[in-house]
Amino acid sequence: KRIVAGVNVKEGSTLSDVLKLLKVKKVSEIKNIVPAITNSNNSLEGQLQPAIYSFESGTSISAKISQMLAAFKSASETLKLAPFDKYSIYQVLTIASLIQVEGDVNDFSKVARVIYNRLKINMPLQLNSSVQYGINLRGQIALSKKATTIDTPYNTYLHTGLPPTPICNPSAAAILAAMRPAQGDWLYFITVKPKDTRFTSDFKIFSDWNTEYNSNLAKGLFK
């Protein structure tokens, strides 16, 4: 009576991705579902626990989403998801979602520190992942200068502070990194080539690395 293959909610997936998996055509089908973490946007983004789910035939969309939210709540309690520094639980979750998309798991805690360091000095986060989320261009390696001028609440080039909601369903590792950032003064990071992510507090060094990244991108190293 259950779906054998199941529904695989992957780490880094979004609410939109999950709705596609569930073959939801109208967002109104989930309109009245209460998020696990209360937020001003009443958003479910970031709160659908990555896992493989199976459902009995005839299970409603609301019931399926509710099961994912319940799994998230349980996982959050296990991880002891809590406020960090001056940031609320929801903001920590939002930071975890940025970490998930921006970094490799081995660098999560360093990426977290860059985010906190920038927030501390009111420096725009300038994260491509959030811009891409806001204009529905997720998954692209490069981001055009034109894209960074499109004004959405998720454009962290134009707006300081955190985006209004998470941008994906983060993994346990990303959530832990958001609560346990590495120690460092880094303000910049860039993946110069696959498996080569570098961190610095010096903009000149970052600019040199950015030139190296553009060269590697042109060479097709990111394909």
N, C-alpha and C. Protein backbone atom coordinates (compact mmCIF):
# COMPACT_ATOMS: atom_id res chain seq x y z
N LYS A 1 0.81 -1.20 0.00
CA LYS A 1 0.00 0.00 0.00
C LYS A 1 0.86 1.27 0.00
N ARG A 2 2.18 1.11 0.09
CA ARG A 2 3.04 2.27 0.14
C ARG A 2 3.85 2.38 -1.14
N ILE A 3 4.29 3.61 -1.44
CA ILE A 3 5.11 3.82 -2.62
C ILE A 3 6.46 3.16 -2.38
N VAL A 4 6.82 2.20 -3.23
CA VAL A 4 8.04 1.44 -3.01
C VAL A 4 9.28 2.32 -3.18
N ALA A 5 9.33 3.12 -4.26
CA ALA A 5 10.50 3.93 -4.54
C ALA A 5 10.65 5.06 -3.54
N GLY A 6 9.55 5.55 -3.04
CA GLY A 6 9.60 6.63 -2.07
C GLY A 6 9.83 7.99 -2.71
N VAL A 7 9.78 9.01 -1.88
CA VAL A 7 10.03 10.39 -2.30
C VAL A 7 11.32 10.84 -1.64
N ASN A 8 12.32 11.13 -2.45
CA ASN A 8 13.65 11.46 -1.94
C ASN A 8 13.83 12.98 -1.85
N VAL A 9 13.73 13.51 -0.64
CA VAL A 9 13.98 14.93 -0.42
C VAL A 9 15.47 15.08 -0.15
N LYS A 10 16.20 15.67 -1.07
CA LYS A 10 17.65 15.74 -0.97
C LYS A 10 18.11 16.96 -0.19
N GLU A 11 19.28 16.85 0.41
CA GLU A 11 19.91 17.99 1.07
C GLU A 11 20.14 19.07 0.02
N GLY A 12 19.75 20.29 0.33
CA GLY A 12 19.92 21.39 -0.62
C GLY A 12 18.74 21.58 -1.55
N SER A 13 17.73 20.69 -1.45
CA SER A 13 16.54 20.86 -2.28
C SER A 13 15.70 22.01 -1.72
N THR A 14 14.77 22.49 -2.53
CA THR A 14 13.91 23.59 -2.11
C THR A 14 12.46 23.12 -1.99
N LEU A 15 11.63 23.98 -1.45
CA LEU A 15 10.20 23.69 -1.38
C LEU A 15 9.66 23.41 -2.77
N SER A 16 10.08 24.21 -3.73
CA SER A 16 9.64 24.02 -5.11
C SER A 16 10.03 22.64 -5.64
N ASP A 17 11.25 22.20 -5.32
CA ASP A 17 11.71 20.87 -5.75
C ASP A 17 10.81 19.78 -5.16
N VAL A 18 10.49 19.93 -3.89
CA VAL A 18 9.68 18.92 -3.21
C VAL A 18 8.26 18.89 -3.79
N LEU A 19 7.70 20.05 -4.07
CA LEU A 19 6.36 20.09 -4.64
C LEU A 19 6.32 19.42 -6.01
N LYS A 20 7.42 19.56 -6.76
CA LYS A 20 7.49 18.88 -8.06
C LYS A 20 7.54 17.37 -7.87
N LEU A 21 8.29 16.92 -6.85
CA LEU A 21 8.35 15.49 -6.57
C LEU A 21 6.97 14.94 -6.21
N LEU A 22 6.20 15.77 -5.50
CA LEU A 22 4.86 15.36 -5.07
C LEU A 22 3.80 15.63 -6.13
N LYS A 23 4.27 16.18 -7.27
CA LYS A 23 3.38 16.49 -8.39
C LYS A 23 2.28 17.48 -8.00
N VAL A 24 2.67 18.47 -7.21
CA VAL A 24 1.74 19.52 -6.80
C VAL A 24 1.72 20.60 -7.87
N LYS A 25 0.55 20.90 -8.37
CA LYS A 25 0.42 21.91 -9.43
C LYS A 25 -0.02 23.26 -8.89
N LYS A 26 -0.69 23.26 -7.76
CA LYS A 26 -1.17 24.51 -7.18
C LYS A 26 -0.66 24.66 -5.75
N VAL A 27 0.01 25.79 -5.49
CA VAL A 27 0.54 26.04 -4.16
C VAL A 27 -0.57 26.11 -3.12
N SER A 28 -1.79 26.40 -3.58
CA SER A 28 -2.93 26.48 -2.66
C SER A 28 -3.17 25.15 -1.93
N GLU A 29 -2.62 24.05 -2.50
CA GLU A 29 -2.79 22.74 -1.87
C GLU A 29 -2.06 22.66 -0.53
N ILE A 30 -1.10 23.55 -0.30
CA ILE A 30 -0.36 23.53 0.97
C ILE A 30 -0.49 24.86 1.72
N LYS A 31 -1.46 25.65 1.32
CA LYS A 31 -1.58 27.02 1.83
C LYS A 31 -1.79 27.09 3.34
N ASN A 32 -2.50 26.15 3.91
CA ASN A 32 -2.88 26.25 5.31
C ASN A 32 -1.98 25.45 6.26
N ILE A 33 -0.86 24.97 5.77
CA ILE A 33 0.06 24.20 6.60
C ILE A 33 0.89 25.13 7.47
N VAL A 34 1.00 24.82 8.75
CA VAL A 34 1.74 25.66 9.69
C VAL A 34 3.21 25.25 9.71
N PRO A 35 4.14 26.18 9.52
CA PRO A 35 5.57 25.85 9.54
C PRO A 35 5.99 25.32 10.91
N ALA A 36 7.06 24.54 10.92
CA ALA A 36 7.59 24.05 12.19
C ALA A 36 8.20 25.19 13.00
N ILE A 37 8.82 26.14 12.29
CA ILE A 37 9.37 27.34 12.93
C ILE A 37 8.58 28.54 12.46
N THR A 38 7.95 29.22 13.38
CA THR A 38 7.14 30.39 13.03
C THR A 38 8.00 31.47 12.40
N ASN A 39 7.50 32.06 11.32
CA ASN A 39 8.23 33.14 10.67
C ASN A 39 7.25 34.09 10.00
N SER A 40 7.67 35.32 9.80
CA SER A 40 6.77 36.36 9.31
C SER A 40 6.24 36.10 7.91
N ASN A 41 6.97 35.30 7.13
CA ASN A 41 6.53 34.98 5.77
C ASN A 41 5.67 33.72 5.72
N ASN A 42 5.50 33.07 6.87
CA ASN A 42 4.76 31.80 6.93
C ASN A 42 5.32 30.80 5.92
N SER A 43 6.63 30.81 5.76
CA SER A 43 7.30 29.99 4.76
C SER A 43 7.67 28.62 5.30
N LEU A 44 7.54 27.62 4.44
CA LEU A 44 7.96 26.26 4.78
C LEU A 44 9.38 25.98 4.29
N GLU A 45 9.95 26.93 3.56
CA GLU A 45 11.28 26.72 2.99
C GLU A 45 12.30 26.41 4.09
N GLY A 46 13.12 25.40 3.83
CA GLY A 46 14.16 25.02 4.78
C GLY A 46 13.70 24.08 5.86
N GLN A 47 12.40 23.75 5.89
CA GLN A 47 11.85 22.96 7.00
C GLN A 47 11.30 21.61 6.56
N LEU A 48 11.65 21.17 5.37
CA LEU A 48 11.25 19.85 4.89
C LEU A 48 12.46 18.94 5.01
N GLN A 49 12.45 18.10 5.99
CA GLN A 49 13.62 17.32 6.36
C GLN A 49 14.12 16.44 5.22
N PRO A 50 15.41 16.57 4.82
CA PRO A 50 15.97 15.68 3.81
C PRO A 50 15.90 14.22 4.28
N ALA A 51 15.27 13.40 3.50
CA ALA A 51 15.10 11.97 3.83
C ALA A 51 14.33 11.32 2.68
N ILE A 52 14.21 10.01 2.74
CA ILE A 52 13.38 9.28 1.78
C ILE A 52 12.08 8.91 2.48
N TYR A 53 10.97 9.34 1.92
CA TYR A 53 9.66 9.11 2.52
C TYR A 53 8.85 8.15 1.65
N SER A 54 8.01 7.38 2.31
CA SER A 54 7.03 6.57 1.59
C SER A 54 5.66 6.84 2.20
N PHE A 55 4.65 6.82 1.37
CA PHE A 55 3.31 7.18 1.82
C PHE A 55 2.29 6.16 1.35
N GLU A 56 1.28 5.96 2.15
CA GLU A 56 0.19 5.09 1.73
C GLU A 56 -0.56 5.74 0.58
N SER A 57 -1.10 4.91 -0.28
CA SER A 57 -1.88 5.41 -1.41
C SER A 57 -3.03 6.26 -0.90
N GLY A 58 -3.22 7.40 -1.51
CA GLY A 58 -4.32 8.29 -1.13
C GLY A 58 -3.94 9.31 -0.08
N THR A 59 -2.69 9.28 0.40
CA THR A 59 -2.26 10.28 1.38
C THR A 59 -2.30 11.67 0.76
N SER A 60 -2.89 12.61 1.44
CA SER A 60 -3.03 13.96 0.91
C SER A 60 -1.69 14.68 0.87
N ILE A 61 -1.61 15.69 0.03
CA ILE A 61 -0.39 16.50 -0.04
C ILE A 61 -0.10 17.13 1.31
N SER A 62 -1.11 17.63 1.95
CA SER A 62 -0.93 18.27 3.26
C SER A 62 -0.33 17.29 4.27
N ALA A 63 -0.81 16.05 4.25
CA ALA A 63 -0.31 15.04 5.17
C ALA A 63 1.15 14.70 4.87
N LYS A 64 1.49 14.66 3.60
CA LYS A 64 2.88 14.36 3.21
C LYS A 64 3.82 15.47 3.68
N ILE A 65 3.42 16.71 3.42
CA ILE A 65 4.24 17.84 3.85
C ILE A 65 4.34 17.89 5.37
N SER A 66 3.23 17.61 6.03
CA SER A 66 3.22 17.62 7.50
C SER A 66 4.18 16.58 8.06
N GLN A 67 4.28 15.42 7.39
CA GLN A 67 5.21 14.38 7.83
C GLN A 67 6.66 14.87 7.70
N MET A 68 6.94 15.60 6.62
CA MET A 68 8.29 16.14 6.41
C MET A 68 8.62 17.20 7.46
N LEU A 69 7.62 18.01 7.80
CA LEU A 69 7.81 19.03 8.83
C LEU A 69 8.04 18.39 10.20
N ALA A 70 7.31 17.33 10.47
CA ALA A 70 7.48 16.61 11.74
C ALA A 70 8.87 15.99 11.82
N ALA A 71 9.35 15.47 10.69
CA ALA A 71 10.69 14.89 10.65
C ALA A 71 11.74 15.97 10.89
N PHE A 72 11.50 17.15 10.33
CA PHE A 72 12.41 18.28 10.53
C PHE A 72 12.43 18.68 12.01
N LYS A 73 11.27 18.76 12.61
CA LYS A 73 11.19 19.14 14.02
C LYS A 73 11.95 18.16 14.89
N SER A 74 11.78 16.88 14.61
CA SER A 74 12.47 15.84 15.37
C SER A 74 13.98 15.94 15.19
N ALA A 75 14.42 16.13 13.93
CA ALA A 75 15.85 16.24 13.65
C ALA A 75 16.44 17.49 14.31
N SER A 76 15.67 18.58 14.30
CA SER A 76 16.14 19.83 14.90
C SER A 76 16.33 19.68 16.40
N GLU A 77 15.44 18.95 17.02
CA GLU A 77 15.56 18.71 18.46
C GLU A 77 16.79 17.85 18.76
N THR A 78 17.05 16.88 17.90
CA THR A 78 18.24 16.03 18.07
C THR A 78 19.51 16.85 17.91
N LEU A 79 19.50 17.77 16.95
CA LEU A 79 20.67 18.62 16.70
C LEU A 79 20.78 19.77 17.69
N LYS A 80 19.69 19.94 18.48
CA LYS A 80 19.62 21.07 19.43
C LYS A 80 19.72 22.41 18.70
N LEU A 81 18.97 22.51 17.59
CA LEU A 81 18.89 23.77 16.84
C LEU A 81 18.43 24.87 17.78
N ALA A 82 19.22 25.92 17.88
CA ALA A 82 18.94 26.98 18.85
C ALA A 82 19.48 28.31 18.32
N PRO A 83 19.07 29.42 18.95
CA PRO A 83 19.65 30.71 18.57
C PRO A 83 21.16 30.68 18.75
N PHE A 84 21.85 31.45 17.93
CA PHE A 84 23.31 31.56 18.06
C PHE A 84 23.69 33.02 18.03
N ASP A 85 24.53 33.43 18.98
CA ASP A 85 24.92 34.82 19.09
C ASP A 85 23.63 35.65 19.21
N LYS A 86 23.41 36.59 18.32
CA LYS A 86 22.19 37.42 18.40
C LYS A 86 21.13 36.97 17.40
N TYR A 87 21.34 35.82 16.77
CA TYR A 87 20.46 35.37 15.70
C TYR A 87 19.45 34.34 16.20
N SER A 88 18.22 34.49 15.74
CA SER A 88 17.13 33.61 16.15
C SER A 88 17.29 32.23 15.53
N ILE A 89 16.50 31.29 15.99
CA ILE A 89 16.51 29.95 15.41
C ILE A 89 16.26 30.00 13.92
N TYR A 90 15.28 30.80 13.52
CA TYR A 90 14.94 30.88 12.09
C TYR A 90 16.08 31.49 11.29
N GLN A 91 16.75 32.48 11.85
CA GLN A 91 17.89 33.08 11.16
C GLN A 91 19.06 32.09 11.07
N VAL A 92 19.26 31.30 12.11
CA VAL A 92 20.30 30.27 12.07
C VAL A 92 19.99 29.25 10.97
N LEU A 93 18.72 28.89 10.84
CA LEU A 93 18.30 27.97 9.78
C LEU A 93 18.57 28.59 8.41
N THR A 94 18.29 29.88 8.29
CA THR A 94 18.53 30.59 7.03
C THR A 94 20.02 30.59 6.71
N ILE A 95 20.85 30.84 7.71
CA ILE A 95 22.30 30.80 7.50
C ILE A 95 22.74 29.40 7.09
N ALA A 96 22.18 28.38 7.73
CA ALA A 96 22.52 26.99 7.37
C ALA A 96 22.18 26.70 5.92
N SER A 97 21.08 27.25 5.44
CA SER A 97 20.69 27.01 4.04
C SER A 97 21.68 27.66 3.07
N LEU A 98 22.20 28.83 3.45
CA LEU A 98 23.21 29.49 2.62
C LEU A 98 24.50 28.68 2.62
N ILE A 99 24.89 28.20 3.78
CA ILE A 99 26.09 27.37 3.91
C ILE A 99 25.98 26.14 3.02
N GLN A 100 24.80 25.51 3.04
CA GLN A 100 24.57 24.28 2.29
C GLN A 100 24.86 24.46 0.80
N VAL A 101 24.39 25.56 0.24
CA VAL A 101 24.54 25.78 -1.20
C VAL A 101 25.91 26.35 -1.55
N GLU A 102 26.47 27.16 -0.66
CA GLU A 102 27.69 27.88 -0.97
C GLU A 102 28.97 27.06 -0.80
N GLY A 103 28.95 26.10 0.11
CA GLY A 103 30.21 25.44 0.44
C GLY A 103 30.20 23.93 0.30
N ASP A 104 31.39 23.38 0.27
CA ASP A 104 31.57 21.93 0.38
C ASP A 104 31.49 21.57 1.86
N VAL A 105 31.02 20.38 2.16
CA VAL A 105 30.81 19.99 3.55
C VAL A 105 32.08 20.19 4.40
N ASN A 106 33.24 20.01 3.81
CA ASN A 106 34.49 20.17 4.55
C ASN A 106 34.77 21.63 4.91
N ASP A 107 34.09 22.55 4.22
CA ASP A 107 34.31 23.98 4.45
C ASP A 107 33.12 24.67 5.11
N PHE A 108 32.11 23.90 5.49
CA PHE A 108 30.88 24.51 6.02
C PHE A 108 31.15 25.49 7.17
N SER A 109 31.99 25.08 8.11
CA SER A 109 32.20 25.93 9.29
C SER A 109 32.94 27.23 8.93
N LYS A 110 33.79 27.17 7.91
CA LYS A 110 34.50 28.37 7.45
C LYS A 110 33.54 29.31 6.71
N VAL A 111 32.67 28.74 5.89
CA VAL A 111 31.67 29.55 5.19
C VAL A 111 30.77 30.24 6.22
N ALA A 112 30.42 29.50 7.26
CA ALA A 112 29.60 30.08 8.32
C ALA A 112 30.29 31.29 8.93
N ARG A 113 31.59 31.17 9.18
CA ARG A 113 32.32 32.28 9.79
C ARG A 113 32.35 33.50 8.87
N VAL A 114 32.52 33.28 7.57
CA VAL A 114 32.49 34.41 6.63
C VAL A 114 31.15 35.13 6.70
N ILE A 115 30.08 34.37 6.74
CA ILE A 115 28.74 34.97 6.82
C ILE A 115 28.59 35.79 8.09
N TYR A 116 28.97 35.23 9.22
CA TYR A 116 28.85 35.96 10.49
C TYR A 116 29.76 37.19 10.52
N ASN A 117 30.96 37.07 9.96
CA ASN A 117 31.87 38.21 9.94
C ASN A 117 31.30 39.35 9.10
N ARG A 118 30.70 39.02 7.98
CA ARG A 118 30.11 40.06 7.13
C ARG A 118 28.89 40.70 7.81
N LEU A 119 28.07 39.87 8.42
CA LEU A 119 26.89 40.40 9.12
C LEU A 119 27.31 41.34 10.24
N LYS A 120 28.38 40.99 10.92
CA LYS A 120 28.84 41.78 12.07
C LYS A 120 29.21 43.20 11.68
N ILE A 121 29.77 43.38 10.48
CA ILE A 121 30.20 44.72 10.05
C ILE A 121 29.22 45.33 9.04
N ASN A 122 28.04 44.70 8.94
CA ASN A 122 26.99 45.20 8.04
C ASN A 122 27.46 45.24 6.59
N MET A 123 28.25 44.27 6.22
CA MET A 123 28.74 44.13 4.85
C MET A 123 27.79 43.24 4.07
N PRO A 124 27.39 43.63 2.86
CA PRO A 124 26.51 42.76 2.08
C PRO A 124 27.10 41.36 1.94
N LEU A 125 26.26 40.36 2.06
CA LEU A 125 26.74 38.98 1.97
C LEU A 125 27.24 38.64 0.57
N GLN A 126 26.61 39.23 -0.45
CA GLN A 126 27.01 39.03 -1.84
C GLN A 126 27.18 37.54 -2.19
N LEU A 127 26.15 36.78 -1.88
CA LEU A 127 26.17 35.35 -2.16
C LEU A 127 25.37 35.05 -3.42
N ASN A 128 26.04 34.43 -4.39
CA ASN A 128 25.37 34.12 -5.65
C ASN A 128 24.16 33.22 -5.44
N SER A 129 24.27 32.31 -4.47
CA SER A 129 23.20 31.33 -4.26
C SER A 129 21.87 31.99 -3.92
N SER A 130 21.91 33.03 -3.10
CA SER A 130 20.65 33.68 -2.72
C SER A 130 20.07 34.48 -3.88
N VAL A 131 20.96 35.11 -4.67
CA VAL A 131 20.49 35.85 -5.85
C VAL A 131 19.82 34.89 -6.83
N GLN A 132 20.48 33.75 -7.06
CA GLN A 132 19.94 32.76 -7.99
C GLN A 132 18.61 32.21 -7.51
N TYR A 133 18.47 32.02 -6.20
CA TYR A 133 17.20 31.56 -5.64
C TYR A 133 16.10 32.57 -5.95
N GLY A 134 16.40 33.83 -5.77
CA GLY A 134 15.40 34.87 -5.95
C GLY A 134 14.92 35.04 -7.37
N ILE A 135 15.76 34.68 -8.34
CA ILE A 135 15.38 34.83 -9.75
C ILE A 135 15.23 33.47 -10.44
N ASN A 136 15.18 32.42 -9.62
CA ASN A 136 14.93 31.06 -10.12
C ASN A 136 15.98 30.62 -11.15
N LEU A 137 17.24 30.84 -10.80
CA LEU A 137 18.34 30.40 -11.66
C LEU A 137 19.29 29.50 -10.89
N ARG A 138 18.75 28.72 -9.97
CA ARG A 138 19.56 27.85 -9.13
C ARG A 138 20.35 26.84 -9.96
N GLY A 139 21.54 26.52 -9.45
CA GLY A 139 22.32 25.46 -10.07
C GLY A 139 23.38 25.95 -11.04
N GLN A 140 23.37 27.24 -11.39
CA GLN A 140 24.38 27.75 -12.30
C GLN A 140 25.66 28.07 -11.54
N ILE A 141 26.79 27.85 -12.19
CA ILE A 141 28.08 28.11 -11.56
C ILE A 141 28.35 29.62 -11.50
N ALA A 142 28.25 30.27 -12.64
CA ALA A 142 28.55 31.70 -12.72
C ALA A 142 27.28 32.53 -12.58
N LEU A 143 27.47 33.78 -12.19
CA LEU A 143 26.36 34.72 -12.06
C LEU A 143 26.74 36.00 -12.79
N SER A 144 25.88 36.44 -13.70
CA SER A 144 26.18 37.64 -14.48
C SER A 144 26.04 38.88 -13.62
N LYS A 145 26.73 39.95 -14.02
CA LYS A 145 26.61 41.22 -13.31
C LYS A 145 25.18 41.75 -13.38
N LYS A 146 24.52 41.48 -14.51
CA LYS A 146 23.14 41.92 -14.68
C LYS A 146 22.24 41.27 -13.63
N ALA A 147 22.49 39.99 -13.35
CA ALA A 147 21.67 39.27 -12.37
C ALA A 147 21.78 39.90 -10.98
N THR A 148 22.95 40.43 -10.67
CA THR A 148 23.16 41.02 -9.35
C THR A 148 22.45 42.37 -9.19
N THR A 149 21.88 42.88 -10.29
CA THR A 149 21.16 44.16 -10.22
C THR A 149 19.65 43.96 -10.14
N ILE A 150 19.20 42.72 -10.27
CA ILE A 150 17.76 42.45 -10.22
C ILE A 150 17.31 42.51 -8.76
N ASP A 151 16.38 43.40 -8.49
CA ASP A 151 16.00 43.67 -7.10
C ASP A 151 14.95 42.68 -6.60
N THR A 152 15.40 41.71 -5.82
CA THR A 152 14.50 40.81 -5.10
C THR A 152 14.94 40.82 -3.64
N PRO A 153 14.09 40.38 -2.73
CA PRO A 153 14.49 40.34 -1.31
C PRO A 153 15.68 39.42 -1.05
N TYR A 154 15.99 38.57 -2.04
CA TYR A 154 17.08 37.60 -1.89
C TYR A 154 18.39 38.08 -2.52
N ASN A 155 18.37 39.30 -3.07
CA ASN A 155 19.59 39.82 -3.69
C ASN A 155 20.51 40.38 -2.61
N THR A 156 21.48 39.58 -2.21
CA THR A 156 22.38 39.96 -1.12
C THR A 156 23.53 40.84 -1.61
N TYR A 157 23.48 41.23 -2.88
CA TYR A 157 24.37 42.27 -3.37
C TYR A 157 23.76 43.64 -3.12
N LEU A 158 22.43 43.72 -3.28
CA LEU A 158 21.72 44.99 -3.11
C LEU A 158 21.28 45.24 -1.68
N HIS A 159 21.02 44.17 -0.93
CA HIS A 159 20.49 44.31 0.42
C HIS A 159 21.43 43.70 1.44
N THR A 160 21.67 44.42 2.52
CA THR A 160 22.49 43.87 3.59
C THR A 160 21.64 42.96 4.47
N GLY A 161 22.30 42.18 5.28
CA GLY A 161 21.58 41.26 6.15
C GLY A 161 21.22 39.97 5.45
N LEU A 162 20.42 39.17 6.16
CA LEU A 162 20.03 37.86 5.65
C LEU A 162 18.83 37.95 4.71
N PRO A 163 18.69 37.00 3.79
CA PRO A 163 17.46 36.93 2.99
C PRO A 163 16.28 36.62 3.90
N PRO A 164 15.05 36.86 3.45
CA PRO A 164 13.88 36.73 4.31
C PRO A 164 13.53 35.31 4.74
N THR A 165 13.98 34.31 3.98
CA THR A 165 13.71 32.91 4.31
C THR A 165 14.95 32.09 3.97
N PRO A 166 15.01 30.85 4.43
CA PRO A 166 16.05 29.95 3.94
C PRO A 166 15.93 29.80 2.42
N ILE A 167 16.97 29.32 1.78
CA ILE A 167 16.93 29.13 0.33
C ILE A 167 16.96 27.66 -0.06
N CYS A 168 16.99 26.78 0.94
CA CYS A 168 16.95 25.34 0.66
C CYS A 168 16.73 24.60 1.97
N ASN A 169 16.59 23.29 1.86
CA ASN A 169 16.51 22.43 3.04
C ASN A 169 17.93 21.98 3.40
N PRO A 170 18.51 22.55 4.46
CA PRO A 170 19.91 22.26 4.77
C PRO A 170 20.11 20.90 5.44
N SER A 171 21.31 20.41 5.33
CA SER A 171 21.69 19.15 5.97
C SER A 171 21.99 19.37 7.44
N ALA A 172 22.12 18.28 8.18
CA ALA A 172 22.51 18.37 9.58
C ALA A 172 23.87 19.03 9.72
N ALA A 173 24.79 18.71 8.80
CA ALA A 173 26.14 19.29 8.86
C ALA A 173 26.11 20.80 8.70
N ALA A 174 25.25 21.29 7.81
CA ALA A 174 25.14 22.74 7.60
C ALA A 174 24.54 23.43 8.81
N ILE A 175 23.54 22.80 9.42
CA ILE A 175 22.91 23.38 10.61
C ILE A 175 23.91 23.44 11.76
N LEU A 176 24.68 22.38 11.94
CA LEU A 176 25.69 22.38 13.00
C LEU A 176 26.75 23.45 12.75
N ALA A 177 27.14 23.63 11.49
CA ALA A 177 28.14 24.64 11.15
C ALA A 177 27.62 26.04 11.46
N ALA A 178 26.32 26.25 11.25
CA ALA A 178 25.72 27.56 11.53
C ALA A 178 25.75 27.88 13.01
N MET A 179 25.76 26.84 13.84
CA MET A 179 25.82 27.04 15.29
C MET A 179 27.24 26.92 15.83
N ARG A 180 28.15 26.40 15.00
CA ARG A 180 29.53 26.19 15.43
C ARG A 180 30.50 26.67 14.35
N PRO A 181 30.47 27.95 14.03
CA PRO A 181 31.36 28.45 12.98
C PRO A 181 32.82 28.34 13.40
N ALA A 182 33.68 28.17 12.41
CA ALA A 182 35.11 28.14 12.69
C ALA A 182 35.58 29.52 13.16
N GLN A 183 36.74 29.55 13.80
CA GLN A 183 37.32 30.82 14.21
C GLN A 183 38.19 31.36 13.08
N GLY A 184 38.03 32.63 12.75
CA GLY A 184 38.82 33.23 11.68
C GLY A 184 38.33 34.63 11.36
N ASP A 185 39.15 35.39 10.67
CA ASP A 185 38.78 36.76 10.32
C ASP A 185 38.37 36.88 8.85
N TRP A 186 38.12 35.76 8.21
CA TRP A 186 37.83 35.77 6.78
C TRP A 186 36.58 36.59 6.43
N LEU A 187 36.68 37.30 5.31
CA LEU A 187 35.53 38.03 4.77
C LEU A 187 35.19 37.58 3.35
N TYR A 188 36.12 36.81 2.76
CA TYR A 188 35.93 36.39 1.37
C TYR A 188 36.25 34.91 1.23
N PHE A 189 35.55 34.27 0.32
CA PHE A 189 35.90 32.90 -0.05
C PHE A 189 35.49 32.66 -1.48
N ILE A 190 36.18 31.77 -2.13
CA ILE A 190 35.87 31.46 -3.52
C ILE A 190 36.39 30.07 -3.85
N THR A 191 35.62 29.34 -4.62
CA THR A 191 36.07 28.03 -5.11
C THR A 191 36.78 28.27 -6.42
N VAL A 192 38.09 28.25 -6.37
CA VAL A 192 38.92 28.57 -7.53
C VAL A 192 38.81 27.49 -8.60
N LYS A 193 38.71 26.25 -8.15
CA LYS A 193 38.46 25.12 -9.03
C LYS A 193 37.84 24.04 -8.16
N PRO A 194 37.23 23.03 -8.75
CA PRO A 194 36.58 21.99 -7.95
C PRO A 194 37.49 21.46 -6.84
N LYS A 195 36.94 21.43 -5.61
CA LYS A 195 37.64 20.95 -4.42
C LYS A 195 38.80 21.86 -3.99
N ASP A 196 38.77 23.10 -4.44
CA ASP A 196 39.80 24.07 -4.05
C ASP A 196 39.12 25.39 -3.66
N THR A 197 38.61 25.44 -2.43
CA THR A 197 37.95 26.64 -1.92
C THR A 197 38.90 27.35 -0.97
N ARG A 198 39.06 28.66 -1.17
CA ARG A 198 40.03 29.42 -0.41
C ARG A 198 39.35 30.55 0.37
N PHE A 199 39.93 30.89 1.52
CA PHE A 199 39.36 31.90 2.41
C PHE A 199 40.42 32.94 2.74
N THR A 200 40.00 34.21 2.79
CA THR A 200 40.92 35.28 3.11
C THR A 200 40.18 36.49 3.67
N SER A 201 40.92 37.37 4.34
CA SER A 201 40.36 38.64 4.80
C SER A 201 40.86 39.78 3.93
N ASP A 202 41.70 39.46 2.96
CA ASP A 202 42.34 40.46 2.10
C ASP A 202 41.65 40.51 0.73
N PHE A 203 41.06 41.66 0.42
CA PHE A 203 40.33 41.79 -0.85
C PHE A 203 41.25 41.64 -2.05
N LYS A 204 42.49 42.11 -1.95
CA LYS A 204 43.44 41.98 -3.07
C LYS A 204 43.70 40.52 -3.38
N ILE A 205 43.92 39.73 -2.34
CA ILE A 205 44.14 38.30 -2.55
C ILE A 205 42.90 37.67 -3.17
N PHE A 206 41.73 38.04 -2.65
CA PHE A 206 40.48 37.51 -3.18
C PHE A 206 40.33 37.86 -4.66
N SER A 207 40.70 39.08 -5.03
CA SER A 207 40.60 39.51 -6.43
C SER A 207 41.50 38.67 -7.33
N ASP A 208 42.70 38.37 -6.84
CA ASP A 208 43.62 37.52 -7.61
C ASP A 208 43.04 36.13 -7.79
N TRP A 209 42.44 35.60 -6.71
CA TRP A 209 41.81 34.28 -6.79
C TRP A 209 40.62 34.30 -7.75
N ASN A 210 39.90 35.40 -7.76
CA ASN A 210 38.75 35.53 -8.65
C ASN A 210 39.18 35.47 -10.11
N THR A 211 40.34 36.09 -10.40
CA THR A 211 40.90 36.02 -11.75
C THR A 211 41.25 34.59 -12.11
N GLU A 212 41.82 33.88 -11.15
CA GLU A 212 42.16 32.47 -11.36
C GLU A 212 40.90 31.64 -11.59
N TYR A 213 39.85 31.92 -10.81
CA TYR A 213 38.57 31.22 -10.98
C TYR A 213 38.02 31.44 -12.38
N ASN A 214 38.02 32.69 -12.85
CA ASN A 214 37.48 32.99 -14.19
C ASN A 214 38.25 32.25 -15.27
N SER A 215 39.55 32.14 -15.07
CA SER A 215 40.37 31.39 -16.03
C SER A 215 40.00 29.92 -16.03
N ASN A 216 39.84 29.36 -14.86
CA ASN A 216 39.45 27.94 -14.76
C ASN A 216 38.06 27.68 -15.30
N LEU A 217 37.16 28.65 -15.07
CA LEU A 217 35.81 28.53 -15.62
C LEU A 217 35.84 28.50 -17.13
N ALA A 218 36.66 29.38 -17.74
CA ALA A 218 36.79 29.43 -19.19
C ALA A 218 37.41 28.14 -19.75
N LYS A 219 38.26 27.51 -18.94
CA LYS A 219 38.89 26.26 -19.36
C LYS A 219 37.95 25.06 -19.25
N GLY A 220 36.80 25.28 -18.62
CA GLY A 220 35.81 24.20 -18.50
C GLY A 220 36.03 23.30 -17.31
N LEU A 221 36.78 23.77 -16.30
CA LEU A 221 37.06 22.92 -15.15
C LEU A 221 35.84 22.69 -14.26
N PHE A 222 34.80 23.51 -14.43
CA PHE A 222 33.63 23.37 -13.58
C PHE A 222 32.52 22.56 -14.25
N LYS A 223 32.78 21.97 -15.40
CA LYS A 223 31.75 21.19 -16.08
C LYS A 223 31.61 19.82 -15.43
